[in-house]
Amino acid sequence: MRLTLFIFLAMFTFNTITAVDFVPLNMKLGLWEYENPSAKILEKMFASMPAEVKQVMKSKMKKHKPIQSCLTKKDMKDPNHFIQKMGDSNCIFDLVKSTKTLFEGNLNCTNSAQASSINVIMEVVNDKKVISKTTMDTASFPGGDMGKISATGIWISDVCPASLNKE
């Protein structure tokens, strides 16, 4: 869940606590879809795996579907709404930079089961395409560091499926 949360935050979060003025990104509202970063994480792990295990893992990776999220007017107007929608109340987001085309911030999450520090940079290519770059230091994962993930988000539709529209 934490991986999904910070990827969604990388794609659509704004600010919760900050000294920087919030400027909404130039993005279309509605259904967004972006590549599932777990496949990239698993790919990095393949280097040290035996050939038989690699083959099994690669066949399972083909089943990874893109991640979808719904960006609403309320998300754009109320920065806290998106984080609450994702269901993680143990996180504080500090906005570093905010323009219509570039967004940078740090998400710090603490609780007894999992602690993480995540830096998010999102660049708007155009109103239907964004690129997010996330750097994580996650204490709950072996080694305490998952490294860097980059994902491209593409706008799909003005209409969100009911399953994603959590107003």
N, C-alpha and C. Protein backbone atom coordinates (compact mmCIF):
# COMPACT_ATOMS: atom_id res chain seq x y z
N MET A 1 0.83 -1.19 0.00
CA MET A 1 0.00 0.00 0.00
C MET A 1 0.87 1.26 0.00
N ARG A 2 1.97 1.23 0.76
CA ARG A 2 2.83 2.41 0.84
C ARG A 2 3.41 2.72 -0.54
N LEU A 3 3.82 1.67 -1.30
CA LEU A 3 4.37 1.88 -2.63
C LEU A 3 3.33 2.54 -3.53
N THR A 4 2.10 2.04 -3.50
CA THR A 4 1.04 2.63 -4.30
C THR A 4 0.77 4.06 -3.87
N LEU A 5 0.75 4.32 -2.56
CA LEU A 5 0.49 5.67 -2.06
C LEU A 5 1.51 6.65 -2.58
N PHE A 6 2.81 6.36 -2.46
CA PHE A 6 3.76 7.38 -2.88
C PHE A 6 3.82 7.51 -4.38
N ILE A 7 3.46 6.46 -5.13
CA ILE A 7 3.39 6.61 -6.57
C ILE A 7 2.22 7.51 -6.93
N PHE A 8 1.05 7.30 -6.29
CA PHE A 8 -0.08 8.20 -6.52
C PHE A 8 0.28 9.61 -6.10
N LEU A 9 0.97 9.74 -4.99
CA LEU A 9 1.39 11.07 -4.55
C LEU A 9 2.32 11.69 -5.57
N ALA A 10 3.21 10.89 -6.11
CA ALA A 10 4.12 11.40 -7.12
C ALA A 10 3.37 11.89 -8.34
N MET A 11 2.27 11.24 -8.64
CA MET A 11 1.50 11.61 -9.82
C MET A 11 0.53 12.76 -9.55
N PHE A 12 -0.07 12.81 -8.35
CA PHE A 12 -1.19 13.72 -8.16
C PHE A 12 -1.21 14.53 -6.88
N THR A 13 -0.25 14.41 -6.01
CA THR A 13 -0.30 15.10 -4.73
C THR A 13 0.07 16.55 -4.89
N PHE A 14 -0.37 17.31 -3.94
CA PHE A 14 -0.07 18.72 -3.94
C PHE A 14 0.65 19.03 -2.63
N ASN A 15 0.13 19.80 -1.71
CA ASN A 15 0.88 20.01 -0.48
C ASN A 15 -0.01 19.88 0.74
N THR A 16 0.59 19.58 1.88
CA THR A 16 -0.17 19.57 3.12
C THR A 16 0.40 20.60 4.09
N ILE A 17 1.69 20.58 4.33
CA ILE A 17 2.32 21.55 5.22
C ILE A 17 3.50 22.14 4.46
N THR A 18 3.51 23.45 4.31
CA THR A 18 4.56 24.03 3.48
C THR A 18 4.69 25.53 3.68
N ALA A 19 5.87 26.04 3.36
CA ALA A 19 6.08 27.48 3.36
C ALA A 19 6.02 28.00 1.93
N VAL A 20 6.00 27.09 0.96
CA VAL A 20 5.95 27.43 -0.46
C VAL A 20 4.48 27.54 -0.87
N ASP A 21 4.16 28.53 -1.71
CA ASP A 21 2.79 28.67 -2.20
C ASP A 21 2.46 27.54 -3.17
N PHE A 22 1.30 26.96 -3.00
CA PHE A 22 0.83 25.89 -3.85
C PHE A 22 0.29 26.45 -5.17
N VAL A 23 0.74 25.88 -6.29
CA VAL A 23 0.24 26.23 -7.62
C VAL A 23 -0.22 24.92 -8.25
N PRO A 24 -1.51 24.80 -8.60
CA PRO A 24 -1.99 23.55 -9.21
C PRO A 24 -1.24 23.24 -10.51
N LEU A 25 -0.93 21.98 -10.70
CA LEU A 25 -0.27 21.56 -11.93
C LEU A 25 -1.24 21.66 -13.10
N ASN A 26 -0.69 21.90 -14.27
CA ASN A 26 -1.49 22.00 -15.49
C ASN A 26 -1.81 20.59 -16.00
N MET A 27 -2.79 19.94 -15.35
CA MET A 27 -3.17 18.57 -15.69
C MET A 27 -4.68 18.49 -15.88
N LYS A 28 -5.09 17.66 -16.83
CA LYS A 28 -6.52 17.45 -17.04
C LYS A 28 -7.10 16.64 -15.89
N LEU A 29 -8.33 16.92 -15.55
CA LEU A 29 -9.04 16.15 -14.53
C LEU A 29 -9.54 14.86 -15.16
N GLY A 30 -9.75 13.85 -14.33
CA GLY A 30 -10.30 12.60 -14.81
C GLY A 30 -9.38 11.43 -14.57
N LEU A 31 -9.52 10.41 -15.41
CA LEU A 31 -8.80 9.15 -15.26
C LEU A 31 -7.38 9.26 -15.82
N TRP A 32 -6.42 8.91 -14.97
CA TRP A 32 -5.00 8.88 -15.35
C TRP A 32 -4.50 7.45 -15.18
N GLU A 33 -3.56 7.08 -16.03
CA GLU A 33 -2.99 5.74 -15.96
C GLU A 33 -1.48 5.87 -16.11
N TYR A 34 -0.76 5.12 -15.31
CA TYR A 34 0.70 5.16 -15.43
C TYR A 34 1.28 3.78 -15.19
N GLU A 35 2.48 3.60 -15.70
CA GLU A 35 3.12 2.30 -15.63
C GLU A 35 3.30 1.87 -14.18
N ASN A 36 3.22 0.58 -13.97
CA ASN A 36 3.38 0.01 -12.64
C ASN A 36 4.87 -0.10 -12.32
N PRO A 37 5.35 0.63 -11.33
CA PRO A 37 6.79 0.64 -11.04
C PRO A 37 7.29 -0.65 -10.41
N SER A 38 6.40 -1.54 -9.93
CA SER A 38 6.90 -2.77 -9.31
C SER A 38 7.68 -3.61 -10.30
N ALA A 39 7.31 -3.56 -11.58
CA ALA A 39 8.04 -4.32 -12.58
C ALA A 39 9.50 -3.84 -12.66
N LYS A 40 9.71 -2.53 -12.57
CA LYS A 40 11.07 -1.99 -12.61
C LYS A 40 11.87 -2.41 -11.38
N ILE A 41 11.22 -2.42 -10.23
CA ILE A 41 11.89 -2.83 -9.00
C ILE A 41 12.31 -4.29 -9.09
N LEU A 42 11.40 -5.14 -9.57
CA LEU A 42 11.72 -6.56 -9.70
C LEU A 42 12.83 -6.79 -10.71
N GLU A 43 12.83 -6.01 -11.79
CA GLU A 43 13.86 -6.15 -12.81
C GLU A 43 15.26 -5.95 -12.21
N LYS A 44 15.39 -5.00 -11.30
CA LYS A 44 16.68 -4.76 -10.64
C LYS A 44 17.11 -5.95 -9.79
N MET A 45 16.12 -6.67 -9.25
CA MET A 45 16.43 -7.81 -8.40
C MET A 45 16.90 -9.02 -9.21
N PHE A 46 16.57 -9.06 -10.51
CA PHE A 46 16.88 -10.22 -11.34
C PHE A 46 18.38 -10.50 -11.45
N ALA A 47 19.20 -9.50 -11.33
CA ALA A 47 20.64 -9.67 -11.52
C ALA A 47 21.22 -10.79 -10.65
N SER A 48 20.72 -10.94 -9.44
CA SER A 48 21.30 -11.94 -8.53
C SER A 48 20.48 -13.23 -8.46
N MET A 49 19.48 -13.39 -9.31
CA MET A 49 18.63 -14.58 -9.26
C MET A 49 19.11 -15.67 -10.21
N PRO A 50 18.90 -16.94 -9.82
CA PRO A 50 19.19 -18.04 -10.75
C PRO A 50 18.27 -17.96 -11.98
N ALA A 51 18.70 -18.51 -13.11
CA ALA A 51 17.97 -18.41 -14.37
C ALA A 51 16.53 -18.92 -14.27
N GLU A 52 16.32 -20.04 -13.54
CA GLU A 52 14.96 -20.61 -13.43
C GLU A 52 14.03 -19.65 -12.69
N VAL A 53 14.54 -19.04 -11.64
CA VAL A 53 13.73 -18.10 -10.86
C VAL A 53 13.43 -16.86 -11.69
N LYS A 54 14.43 -16.39 -12.43
CA LYS A 54 14.24 -15.22 -13.31
C LYS A 54 13.09 -15.46 -14.28
N GLN A 55 13.07 -16.64 -14.89
CA GLN A 55 12.05 -16.96 -15.89
C GLN A 55 10.65 -16.93 -15.27
N VAL A 56 10.50 -17.51 -14.09
CA VAL A 56 9.21 -17.52 -13.40
C VAL A 56 8.79 -16.08 -13.06
N MET A 57 9.72 -15.30 -12.53
CA MET A 57 9.42 -13.92 -12.14
C MET A 57 9.03 -13.08 -13.36
N LYS A 58 9.73 -13.26 -14.46
CA LYS A 58 9.41 -12.49 -15.67
C LYS A 58 8.02 -12.83 -16.20
N SER A 59 7.63 -14.09 -16.11
CA SER A 59 6.29 -14.46 -16.57
C SER A 59 5.22 -13.83 -15.68
N LYS A 60 5.50 -13.73 -14.39
CA LYS A 60 4.55 -13.09 -13.47
C LYS A 60 4.49 -11.58 -13.70
N MET A 61 5.60 -10.99 -14.08
CA MET A 61 5.65 -9.54 -14.31
C MET A 61 4.77 -9.13 -15.48
N LYS A 62 4.55 -10.03 -16.43
CA LYS A 62 3.71 -9.71 -17.58
C LYS A 62 2.28 -9.41 -17.14
N LYS A 63 1.93 -9.85 -15.94
CA LYS A 63 0.58 -9.65 -15.42
C LYS A 63 0.41 -8.30 -14.74
N HIS A 64 1.49 -7.56 -14.55
CA HIS A 64 1.40 -6.25 -13.91
C HIS A 64 0.62 -5.29 -14.79
N LYS A 65 -0.46 -4.78 -14.26
CA LYS A 65 -1.30 -3.84 -15.01
C LYS A 65 -0.89 -2.42 -14.64
N PRO A 66 -1.14 -1.48 -15.55
CA PRO A 66 -0.88 -0.08 -15.20
C PRO A 66 -1.73 0.34 -14.00
N ILE A 67 -1.26 1.31 -13.26
CA ILE A 67 -1.98 1.83 -12.10
C ILE A 67 -2.88 2.96 -12.58
N GLN A 68 -4.12 2.98 -12.09
CA GLN A 68 -5.05 4.03 -12.47
C GLN A 68 -5.43 4.86 -11.25
N SER A 69 -5.70 6.14 -11.49
CA SER A 69 -6.13 7.03 -10.43
C SER A 69 -7.05 8.09 -11.03
N CYS A 70 -7.93 8.61 -10.18
CA CYS A 70 -8.87 9.63 -10.62
C CYS A 70 -8.48 10.98 -10.00
N LEU A 71 -8.23 11.96 -10.83
CA LEU A 71 -7.90 13.31 -10.38
C LEU A 71 -9.15 14.17 -10.49
N THR A 72 -9.61 14.71 -9.35
CA THR A 72 -10.86 15.47 -9.31
C THR A 72 -10.61 16.96 -9.05
N LYS A 73 -11.67 17.77 -9.23
CA LYS A 73 -11.58 19.20 -8.91
C LYS A 73 -11.25 19.38 -7.43
N LYS A 74 -11.84 18.54 -6.59
CA LYS A 74 -11.60 18.65 -5.16
C LYS A 74 -10.12 18.38 -4.83
N ASP A 75 -9.50 17.42 -5.54
CA ASP A 75 -8.07 17.15 -5.34
C ASP A 75 -7.25 18.39 -5.68
N MET A 76 -7.63 19.09 -6.73
CA MET A 76 -6.88 20.27 -7.17
C MET A 76 -7.07 21.45 -6.22
N LYS A 77 -8.26 21.56 -5.60
CA LYS A 77 -8.54 22.69 -4.71
C LYS A 77 -8.10 22.44 -3.27
N ASP A 78 -8.19 21.19 -2.82
CA ASP A 78 -7.90 20.85 -1.43
C ASP A 78 -6.77 19.83 -1.39
N PRO A 79 -5.54 20.27 -1.21
CA PRO A 79 -4.39 19.37 -1.23
C PRO A 79 -4.48 18.21 -0.24
N ASN A 80 -5.10 18.43 0.91
CA ASN A 80 -5.21 17.35 1.90
C ASN A 80 -6.19 16.27 1.46
N HIS A 81 -7.11 16.62 0.60
CA HIS A 81 -8.14 15.67 0.17
C HIS A 81 -7.54 14.43 -0.46
N PHE A 82 -6.54 14.62 -1.32
CA PHE A 82 -5.97 13.47 -2.02
C PHE A 82 -5.30 12.50 -1.04
N ILE A 83 -4.55 13.02 -0.10
CA ILE A 83 -3.87 12.16 0.87
C ILE A 83 -4.89 11.41 1.72
N GLN A 84 -5.94 12.10 2.15
CA GLN A 84 -6.98 11.44 2.94
C GLN A 84 -7.68 10.37 2.11
N LYS A 85 -7.88 10.64 0.83
CA LYS A 85 -8.52 9.69 -0.07
C LYS A 85 -7.69 8.40 -0.17
N MET A 86 -6.37 8.54 -0.09
CA MET A 86 -5.49 7.38 -0.18
C MET A 86 -5.43 6.62 1.14
N GLY A 87 -5.96 7.21 2.20
CA GLY A 87 -6.07 6.50 3.46
C GLY A 87 -4.81 6.43 4.30
N ASP A 88 -3.89 7.35 4.16
CA ASP A 88 -2.69 7.32 4.99
C ASP A 88 -2.59 8.60 5.80
N SER A 89 -2.97 8.50 7.06
CA SER A 89 -2.97 9.69 7.92
C SER A 89 -1.65 9.88 8.66
N ASN A 90 -0.70 8.96 8.48
CA ASN A 90 0.58 9.05 9.17
C ASN A 90 1.65 9.74 8.32
N CYS A 91 1.23 10.43 7.29
CA CYS A 91 2.19 11.07 6.39
C CYS A 91 2.05 12.59 6.41
N ILE A 92 3.18 13.26 6.32
CA ILE A 92 3.21 14.72 6.22
C ILE A 92 3.95 15.05 4.93
N PHE A 93 3.34 15.90 4.10
CA PHE A 93 3.95 16.29 2.85
C PHE A 93 4.43 17.73 2.94
N ASP A 94 5.69 17.95 2.62
CA ASP A 94 6.28 19.28 2.65
C ASP A 94 6.62 19.70 1.22
N LEU A 95 5.97 20.72 0.74
CA LEU A 95 6.17 21.20 -0.62
C LEU A 95 7.46 22.01 -0.70
N VAL A 96 8.32 21.68 -1.67
CA VAL A 96 9.58 22.37 -1.88
C VAL A 96 9.45 23.40 -3.00
N LYS A 97 8.79 23.00 -4.11
CA LYS A 97 8.64 23.88 -5.27
C LYS A 97 7.32 23.56 -5.96
N SER A 98 6.62 24.59 -6.42
CA SER A 98 5.33 24.38 -7.07
C SER A 98 5.09 25.42 -8.16
N THR A 99 5.02 24.94 -9.41
CA THR A 99 4.63 25.78 -10.54
C THR A 99 3.59 25.00 -11.33
N LYS A 100 3.09 25.56 -12.42
CA LYS A 100 2.11 24.84 -13.24
C LYS A 100 2.72 23.64 -13.95
N THR A 101 4.06 23.61 -14.09
CA THR A 101 4.69 22.52 -14.82
C THR A 101 5.69 21.70 -14.01
N LEU A 102 6.00 22.12 -12.80
CA LEU A 102 6.97 21.39 -11.98
C LEU A 102 6.53 21.39 -10.53
N PHE A 103 6.67 20.24 -9.92
CA PHE A 103 6.24 20.05 -8.55
C PHE A 103 7.31 19.23 -7.84
N GLU A 104 7.75 19.69 -6.66
CA GLU A 104 8.71 18.91 -5.88
C GLU A 104 8.34 18.99 -4.41
N GLY A 105 8.46 17.87 -3.74
CA GLY A 105 8.16 17.84 -2.33
C GLY A 105 8.68 16.58 -1.67
N ASN A 106 8.56 16.55 -0.35
CA ASN A 106 9.02 15.40 0.44
C ASN A 106 7.87 14.87 1.28
N LEU A 107 7.68 13.56 1.21
CA LEU A 107 6.65 12.88 1.98
C LEU A 107 7.35 12.08 3.07
N ASN A 108 7.01 12.38 4.32
CA ASN A 108 7.58 11.64 5.45
C ASN A 108 6.45 10.93 6.18
N CYS A 109 6.58 9.61 6.28
CA CYS A 109 5.55 8.79 6.91
C CYS A 109 6.17 8.05 8.09
N THR A 110 5.48 8.09 9.21
CA THR A 110 5.97 7.37 10.39
C THR A 110 4.82 6.65 11.06
N ASN A 111 5.04 5.42 11.37
CA ASN A 111 4.19 4.63 12.25
C ASN A 111 5.00 3.43 12.70
N SER A 112 4.47 2.63 13.58
CA SER A 112 5.25 1.54 14.16
C SER A 112 5.61 0.47 13.14
N ALA A 113 4.79 0.26 12.12
CA ALA A 113 5.04 -0.80 11.16
C ALA A 113 5.96 -0.37 10.02
N GLN A 114 5.92 0.89 9.65
CA GLN A 114 6.66 1.32 8.47
C GLN A 114 7.00 2.81 8.56
N ALA A 115 8.25 3.13 8.27
CA ALA A 115 8.67 4.53 8.24
C ALA A 115 9.34 4.77 6.89
N SER A 116 9.06 5.91 6.29
CA SER A 116 9.67 6.16 5.00
C SER A 116 9.85 7.65 4.76
N SER A 117 10.80 7.94 3.90
CA SER A 117 11.06 9.30 3.46
C SER A 117 11.11 9.24 1.94
N ILE A 118 10.27 10.04 1.29
CA ILE A 118 10.13 9.96 -0.15
C ILE A 118 10.22 11.36 -0.75
N ASN A 119 11.12 11.54 -1.72
CA ASN A 119 11.22 12.79 -2.45
C ASN A 119 10.52 12.60 -3.78
N VAL A 120 9.63 13.52 -4.12
CA VAL A 120 8.83 13.42 -5.34
C VAL A 120 9.09 14.64 -6.22
N ILE A 121 9.41 14.39 -7.48
CA ILE A 121 9.53 15.46 -8.47
C ILE A 121 8.62 15.08 -9.63
N MET A 122 7.73 15.97 -10.00
CA MET A 122 6.84 15.70 -11.12
C MET A 122 6.92 16.82 -12.13
N GLU A 123 7.12 16.43 -13.37
CA GLU A 123 7.21 17.40 -14.47
C GLU A 123 6.03 17.18 -15.41
N VAL A 124 5.31 18.24 -15.71
CA VAL A 124 4.19 18.17 -16.64
C VAL A 124 4.74 18.38 -18.05
N VAL A 125 4.63 17.35 -18.88
CA VAL A 125 5.05 17.45 -20.28
C VAL A 125 4.00 18.26 -21.04
N ASN A 126 2.74 17.89 -20.85
CA ASN A 126 1.59 18.64 -21.34
C ASN A 126 0.41 18.24 -20.45
N ASP A 127 -0.78 18.79 -20.69
CA ASP A 127 -1.88 18.53 -19.76
C ASP A 127 -2.36 17.09 -19.76
N LYS A 128 -1.84 16.26 -20.69
CA LYS A 128 -2.22 14.85 -20.76
C LYS A 128 -1.07 13.89 -20.49
N LYS A 129 0.09 14.43 -20.09
CA LYS A 129 1.24 13.56 -19.84
C LYS A 129 2.12 14.17 -18.76
N VAL A 130 2.48 13.34 -17.76
CA VAL A 130 3.38 13.78 -16.70
C VAL A 130 4.47 12.73 -16.48
N ILE A 131 5.60 13.17 -15.99
CA ILE A 131 6.69 12.26 -15.64
C ILE A 131 7.02 12.50 -14.18
N SER A 132 6.99 11.44 -13.39
CA SER A 132 7.33 11.58 -11.97
C SER A 132 8.61 10.83 -11.68
N LYS A 133 9.41 11.41 -10.80
CA LYS A 133 10.65 10.78 -10.35
C LYS A 133 10.59 10.75 -8.84
N THR A 134 10.70 9.56 -8.30
CA THR A 134 10.57 9.37 -6.86
C THR A 134 11.84 8.73 -6.32
N THR A 135 12.38 9.30 -5.27
CA THR A 135 13.53 8.72 -4.58
C THR A 135 13.08 8.35 -3.18
N MET A 136 13.30 7.09 -2.81
CA MET A 136 12.80 6.59 -1.53
C MET A 136 13.91 6.09 -0.63
N ASP A 137 13.71 6.30 0.64
CA ASP A 137 14.53 5.67 1.67
C ASP A 137 13.52 5.07 2.64
N THR A 138 13.31 3.78 2.55
CA THR A 138 12.25 3.13 3.30
C THR A 138 12.83 2.16 4.31
N ALA A 139 12.71 2.49 5.57
CA ALA A 139 13.29 1.69 6.64
C ALA A 139 12.68 0.30 6.75
N SER A 140 11.44 0.11 6.32
CA SER A 140 10.78 -1.18 6.49
C SER A 140 11.18 -2.21 5.44
N PHE A 141 11.86 -1.81 4.38
CA PHE A 141 12.29 -2.75 3.37
C PHE A 141 13.71 -3.23 3.68
N PRO A 142 14.04 -4.48 3.29
CA PRO A 142 15.40 -4.97 3.54
C PRO A 142 16.43 -4.01 2.97
N GLY A 143 17.41 -3.68 3.75
CA GLY A 143 18.43 -2.74 3.30
C GLY A 143 18.04 -1.30 3.51
N GLY A 144 16.76 -1.04 3.78
CA GLY A 144 16.29 0.30 4.08
C GLY A 144 16.28 1.27 2.91
N ASP A 145 16.50 0.79 1.69
CA ASP A 145 16.54 1.71 0.56
C ASP A 145 16.03 1.01 -0.69
N MET A 146 15.03 1.58 -1.33
CA MET A 146 14.54 1.02 -2.58
C MET A 146 15.03 1.82 -3.78
N GLY A 147 15.67 2.94 -3.55
CA GLY A 147 16.24 3.69 -4.65
C GLY A 147 15.30 4.61 -5.38
N LYS A 148 15.48 4.68 -6.70
CA LYS A 148 14.75 5.65 -7.52
C LYS A 148 13.78 4.95 -8.47
N ILE A 149 12.62 5.58 -8.64
CA ILE A 149 11.61 5.07 -9.56
C ILE A 149 11.14 6.23 -10.42
N SER A 150 11.00 5.98 -11.71
CA SER A 150 10.46 6.98 -12.62
C SER A 150 9.23 6.37 -13.29
N ALA A 151 8.16 7.13 -13.40
CA ALA A 151 6.94 6.63 -14.03
C ALA A 151 6.33 7.73 -14.89
N THR A 152 5.75 7.32 -16.00
CA THR A 152 5.07 8.26 -16.89
C THR A 152 3.57 8.07 -16.75
N GLY A 153 2.85 9.17 -16.54
CA GLY A 153 1.40 9.13 -16.42
C GLY A 153 0.76 9.71 -17.66
N ILE A 154 -0.29 9.04 -18.11
CA ILE A 154 -1.02 9.46 -19.31
C ILE A 154 -2.49 9.65 -18.94
N TRP A 155 -3.07 10.77 -19.38
CA TRP A 155 -4.49 11.03 -19.17
C TRP A 155 -5.28 10.12 -20.10
N ILE A 156 -6.34 9.48 -19.56
CA ILE A 156 -7.13 8.53 -20.33
C ILE A 156 -8.51 9.08 -20.70
N SER A 157 -9.21 9.68 -19.72
CA SER A 157 -10.60 10.05 -19.94
C SER A 157 -11.05 11.11 -18.95
N ASP A 158 -12.07 11.88 -19.34
CA ASP A 158 -12.70 12.83 -18.42
C ASP A 158 -13.49 12.10 -17.34
N VAL A 159 -13.92 10.89 -17.64
CA VAL A 159 -14.79 10.11 -16.74
C VAL A 159 -13.97 9.05 -16.01
N CYS A 160 -14.16 9.00 -14.70
CA CYS A 160 -13.48 7.99 -13.88
C CYS A 160 -14.45 6.86 -13.57
N PRO A 161 -13.95 5.62 -13.53
CA PRO A 161 -14.82 4.52 -13.11
C PRO A 161 -15.24 4.73 -11.66
N ALA A 162 -16.42 4.27 -11.31
CA ALA A 162 -16.95 4.44 -9.95
C ALA A 162 -16.00 3.87 -8.91
N SER A 163 -15.28 2.80 -9.24
CA SER A 163 -14.36 2.18 -8.29
C SER A 163 -13.19 3.09 -7.91
N LEU A 164 -12.85 4.05 -8.75
CA LEU A 164 -11.74 4.97 -8.47
C LEU A 164 -12.19 6.33 -7.97
N ASN A 165 -13.43 6.66 -8.17
CA ASN A 165 -13.93 7.99 -7.83
C ASN A 165 -14.35 8.03 -6.37
N LYS A 166 -13.40 8.28 -5.47
CA LYS A 166 -13.63 8.29 -4.02
C LYS A 166 -13.78 9.71 -3.51
N GLU A 167 -14.82 10.37 -3.86
CA GLU A 167 -15.04 11.74 -3.36
C GLU A 167 -15.46 11.61 -1.96
